[in-house]
């Protein structure tokens, strides 16, 4: 039988150095408006500073919206200026 290689995203520890250099953590109110999150490394990146949409540590695509649908409605309303409950 031939071996099947499966790519799994793993934290390589580079984010620990990045986390140590960060002075400002994610904002408490609507953090996805200004920051992106790596769900593998659990680190937040400022969208203005990022050059690519991938985590520099594990190379996964960064999250730009929360996972829960009701929270996504709030973010879409904040971006487009509509009421989230329509």
N, C-alpha and C. Protein backbone atom coordinates (compact mmCIF):
# COMPACT_ATOMS: atom_id res chain seq x y z
N UNK A 1 0.83 -1.18 0.00
CA UNK A 1 0.00 0.00 0.00
C UNK A 1 0.87 1.24 0.00
N UNK A 2 0.44 2.22 -0.74
CA UNK A 2 1.19 3.46 -0.75
C UNK A 2 0.71 4.38 0.35
N UNK A 3 1.61 5.18 0.84
CA UNK A 3 1.28 6.09 1.92
C UNK A 3 0.58 7.33 1.37
N UNK A 4 -0.38 7.81 2.11
CA UNK A 4 -1.09 9.01 1.73
C UNK A 4 -0.66 10.12 2.68
N UNK A 5 -0.15 11.20 2.10
CA UNK A 5 0.26 12.31 2.96
C UNK A 5 -0.89 13.32 3.04
N UNK A 6 -1.21 13.69 4.24
CA UNK A 6 -2.28 14.64 4.48
C UNK A 6 -1.65 15.87 5.12
N UNK A 7 -1.90 17.02 4.51
CA UNK A 7 -1.37 18.27 5.05
C UNK A 7 -2.22 18.71 6.23
N UNK A 8 -1.61 18.91 7.35
CA UNK A 8 -2.29 19.37 8.55
C UNK A 8 -1.59 20.64 9.00
N UNK A 9 -2.38 21.67 9.24
CA UNK A 9 -1.80 22.93 9.70
C UNK A 9 -1.40 22.80 11.16
N UNK A 10 -0.15 23.13 11.42
CA UNK A 10 0.36 23.08 12.79
C UNK A 10 1.13 24.34 13.09
N UNK A 11 1.02 24.78 14.31
CA UNK A 11 1.76 25.95 14.75
C UNK A 11 3.24 25.57 14.86
N UNK A 12 4.11 26.40 14.27
CA UNK A 12 5.55 26.13 14.31
C UNK A 12 6.28 26.95 15.37
N UNK A 13 5.54 27.75 16.13
CA UNK A 13 6.15 28.52 17.21
C UNK A 13 6.62 29.91 16.82
N UNK A 14 6.51 30.26 15.54
CA UNK A 14 6.91 31.60 15.11
C UNK A 14 5.99 32.64 15.73
N UNK A 15 4.73 32.27 15.92
CA UNK A 15 3.75 33.22 16.46
C UNK A 15 4.06 33.62 17.90
N UNK A 16 4.81 32.80 18.63
CA UNK A 16 5.19 33.17 19.99
C UNK A 16 6.08 34.40 19.99
N UNK A 17 6.97 34.48 19.00
CA UNK A 17 7.83 35.66 18.89
C UNK A 17 7.01 36.88 18.46
N UNK A 18 6.05 36.67 17.56
CA UNK A 18 5.18 37.76 17.12
C UNK A 18 4.32 38.24 18.28
N UNK A 19 3.78 37.31 19.04
CA UNK A 19 2.92 37.64 20.19
C UNK A 19 3.70 38.44 21.23
N UNK A 20 4.98 38.13 21.41
CA UNK A 20 5.79 38.85 22.39
C UNK A 20 6.03 40.29 21.95
N UNK A 21 6.08 40.53 20.64
CA UNK A 21 6.33 41.87 20.12
C UNK A 21 5.07 42.72 20.07
N UNK A 22 3.90 42.10 20.11
CA UNK A 22 2.65 42.85 20.03
C UNK A 22 2.42 43.62 21.31
N UNK A 23 2.14 44.92 21.16
CA UNK A 23 1.82 45.73 22.33
C UNK A 23 0.32 45.81 22.54
N UNK A 24 -0.44 45.82 21.45
CA UNK A 24 -1.89 45.93 21.54
C UNK A 24 -2.53 44.60 21.17
N UNK A 25 -3.35 44.09 22.02
CA UNK A 25 -4.09 42.87 21.73
C UNK A 25 -5.32 43.22 20.90
N UNK A 26 -6.15 42.26 20.61
CA UNK A 26 -7.34 42.52 19.80
C UNK A 26 -8.29 43.46 20.53
N UNK A 27 -9.03 44.27 19.79
CA UNK A 27 -10.01 45.14 20.44
C UNK A 27 -11.16 44.33 21.03
N UNK A 28 -11.75 44.84 22.08
CA UNK A 28 -12.83 44.12 22.76
C UNK A 28 -14.15 44.22 22.01
N UNK A 29 -14.39 45.33 21.31
CA UNK A 29 -15.66 45.53 20.62
C UNK A 29 -15.46 45.34 19.12
N UNK A 30 -16.14 44.38 18.52
CA UNK A 30 -16.07 44.07 17.09
C UNK A 30 -14.63 43.93 16.59
N UNK A 31 -13.90 42.95 17.07
CA UNK A 31 -12.47 42.84 16.73
C UNK A 31 -12.20 42.52 15.26
N UNK A 32 -13.14 41.87 14.57
CA UNK A 32 -12.89 41.48 13.18
C UNK A 32 -12.94 42.65 12.21
N UNK A 33 -13.38 43.83 12.65
CA UNK A 33 -13.37 44.98 11.77
C UNK A 33 -11.95 45.46 11.49
N UNK A 34 -11.07 45.33 12.46
CA UNK A 34 -9.70 45.83 12.31
C UNK A 34 -8.64 44.74 12.36
N UNK A 35 -9.01 43.54 12.81
CA UNK A 35 -8.04 42.47 12.98
C UNK A 35 -8.50 41.16 12.32
N UNK A 36 -7.56 40.29 12.04
CA UNK A 36 -7.83 38.94 11.55
C UNK A 36 -7.25 37.95 12.55
N UNK A 37 -7.86 36.76 12.62
CA UNK A 37 -7.43 35.77 13.61
C UNK A 37 -6.96 34.49 12.93
N UNK A 38 -5.86 33.94 13.43
CA UNK A 38 -5.45 32.60 13.02
C UNK A 38 -6.07 31.64 14.03
N UNK A 39 -6.91 30.75 13.54
CA UNK A 39 -7.60 29.84 14.45
C UNK A 39 -6.74 28.66 14.87
N UNK A 40 -5.61 28.45 14.20
CA UNK A 40 -4.69 27.38 14.59
C UNK A 40 -3.78 27.88 15.70
N UNK A 41 -3.17 29.04 15.50
CA UNK A 41 -2.21 29.59 16.48
C UNK A 41 -2.89 30.42 17.56
N UNK A 42 -4.15 30.81 17.33
CA UNK A 42 -4.91 31.66 18.26
C UNK A 42 -4.22 32.99 18.51
N UNK A 43 -3.81 33.64 17.42
CA UNK A 43 -3.19 34.95 17.51
C UNK A 43 -3.95 35.91 16.60
N UNK A 44 -4.02 37.17 16.99
CA UNK A 44 -4.71 38.20 16.24
C UNK A 44 -3.69 39.06 15.51
N UNK A 45 -4.00 39.43 14.25
CA UNK A 45 -3.14 40.29 13.45
C UNK A 45 -3.90 41.52 13.01
N UNK A 46 -3.22 42.66 13.00
CA UNK A 46 -3.82 43.90 12.52
C UNK A 46 -3.92 43.81 11.00
N UNK A 47 -5.09 44.11 10.43
CA UNK A 47 -5.29 43.98 8.99
C UNK A 47 -4.45 44.98 8.20
N UNK A 48 -4.14 46.13 8.79
CA UNK A 48 -3.36 47.15 8.09
C UNK A 48 -1.90 46.74 7.94
N UNK A 49 -1.40 45.93 8.86
CA UNK A 49 0.01 45.55 8.86
C UNK A 49 0.26 44.30 8.00
N UNK A 50 -0.75 43.46 7.86
CA UNK A 50 -0.58 42.20 7.13
C UNK A 50 -0.30 42.42 5.65
N UNK A 51 0.59 41.61 5.11
CA UNK A 51 0.90 41.67 3.68
C UNK A 51 0.17 40.57 2.91
N UNK A 52 -0.09 39.45 3.55
CA UNK A 52 -0.79 38.34 2.91
C UNK A 52 -1.96 37.91 3.79
N UNK A 53 -2.96 37.21 3.23
CA UNK A 53 -4.10 36.76 4.05
C UNK A 53 -3.81 35.47 4.80
N UNK A 54 -2.56 35.09 4.93
CA UNK A 54 -2.19 33.84 5.60
C UNK A 54 -1.37 34.12 6.86
N UNK A 55 -1.44 33.18 7.79
CA UNK A 55 -0.67 33.28 9.03
C UNK A 55 0.81 33.07 8.70
N UNK A 56 1.70 33.92 9.21
CA UNK A 56 3.13 33.73 8.95
C UNK A 56 3.72 32.50 9.65
N UNK A 57 3.02 31.96 10.61
CA UNK A 57 3.52 30.81 11.36
C UNK A 57 3.11 29.48 10.72
N UNK A 58 1.80 29.29 10.51
CA UNK A 58 1.32 27.99 10.03
C UNK A 58 0.79 28.03 8.60
N UNK A 59 0.72 29.19 7.99
CA UNK A 59 0.29 29.40 6.60
C UNK A 59 -1.17 29.06 6.34
N UNK A 60 -2.01 29.06 7.36
CA UNK A 60 -3.44 28.88 7.13
C UNK A 60 -4.08 30.22 6.81
N UNK A 61 -5.22 30.19 6.15
CA UNK A 61 -5.92 31.42 5.83
C UNK A 61 -6.54 32.00 7.11
N UNK A 62 -6.36 33.29 7.30
CA UNK A 62 -6.84 33.94 8.52
C UNK A 62 -8.35 34.14 8.48
N UNK A 63 -8.96 34.09 9.64
CA UNK A 63 -10.40 34.30 9.77
C UNK A 63 -10.69 35.79 9.76
N UNK A 64 -11.67 36.20 8.95
CA UNK A 64 -12.04 37.61 8.88
C UNK A 64 -13.45 37.86 9.42
N UNK A 65 -14.17 36.78 9.74
CA UNK A 65 -15.50 36.88 10.34
C UNK A 65 -15.63 35.84 11.45
N UNK A 66 -16.48 36.09 12.45
CA UNK A 66 -16.72 35.08 13.48
C UNK A 66 -17.44 33.86 12.92
N UNK A 67 -17.42 32.78 13.65
CA UNK A 67 -18.04 31.54 13.18
C UNK A 67 -19.56 31.52 13.33
N UNK A 68 -20.07 32.15 14.40
CA UNK A 68 -21.52 32.09 14.65
C UNK A 68 -22.26 33.02 13.70
N UNK A 69 -23.37 32.53 13.16
CA UNK A 69 -24.13 33.29 12.17
C UNK A 69 -24.72 34.58 12.73
N UNK A 70 -25.20 34.56 13.98
CA UNK A 70 -25.79 35.78 14.53
C UNK A 70 -24.74 36.86 14.73
N UNK A 71 -23.49 36.47 15.00
CA UNK A 71 -22.42 37.46 15.11
C UNK A 71 -22.00 37.98 13.74
N UNK A 72 -22.08 37.12 12.71
CA UNK A 72 -21.77 37.55 11.35
C UNK A 72 -22.74 38.63 10.90
N UNK A 73 -24.01 38.52 11.31
CA UNK A 73 -25.01 39.53 10.95
C UNK A 73 -24.61 40.89 11.52
N UNK A 74 -24.11 40.91 12.74
CA UNK A 74 -23.71 42.16 13.37
C UNK A 74 -22.55 42.79 12.60
N UNK A 75 -21.58 41.98 12.18
CA UNK A 75 -20.44 42.51 11.44
C UNK A 75 -20.85 43.02 10.06
N UNK A 76 -21.71 42.29 9.39
CA UNK A 76 -22.16 42.75 8.07
C UNK A 76 -22.94 44.05 8.19
N UNK A 77 -23.72 44.18 9.26
CA UNK A 77 -24.46 45.43 9.48
C UNK A 77 -23.51 46.58 9.78
N UNK A 78 -22.45 46.31 10.53
CA UNK A 78 -21.47 47.35 10.84
C UNK A 78 -20.72 47.79 9.59
N UNK A 79 -20.46 46.86 8.69
CA UNK A 79 -19.74 47.19 7.46
C UNK A 79 -20.63 47.93 6.45
N UNK A 80 -21.88 47.53 6.36
CA UNK A 80 -22.75 48.09 5.34
C UNK A 80 -23.77 49.08 5.87
N UNK A 81 -23.81 49.32 7.15
CA UNK A 81 -24.68 50.33 7.73
C UNK A 81 -26.14 49.96 7.84
N UNK A 82 -26.48 48.69 7.82
CA UNK A 82 -27.88 48.26 7.94
C UNK A 82 -28.14 47.71 9.33
N UNK A 83 -29.39 47.51 9.65
CA UNK A 83 -29.75 46.92 10.93
C UNK A 83 -29.48 45.42 10.89
N UNK A 84 -28.86 44.85 11.91
CA UNK A 84 -28.55 43.41 11.88
C UNK A 84 -29.77 42.52 12.07
N UNK A 85 -30.89 43.07 12.43
CA UNK A 85 -32.05 42.23 12.75
C UNK A 85 -33.12 42.28 11.66
N UNK A 86 -32.78 42.79 10.49
CA UNK A 86 -33.75 42.80 9.36
C UNK A 86 -33.63 41.53 8.57
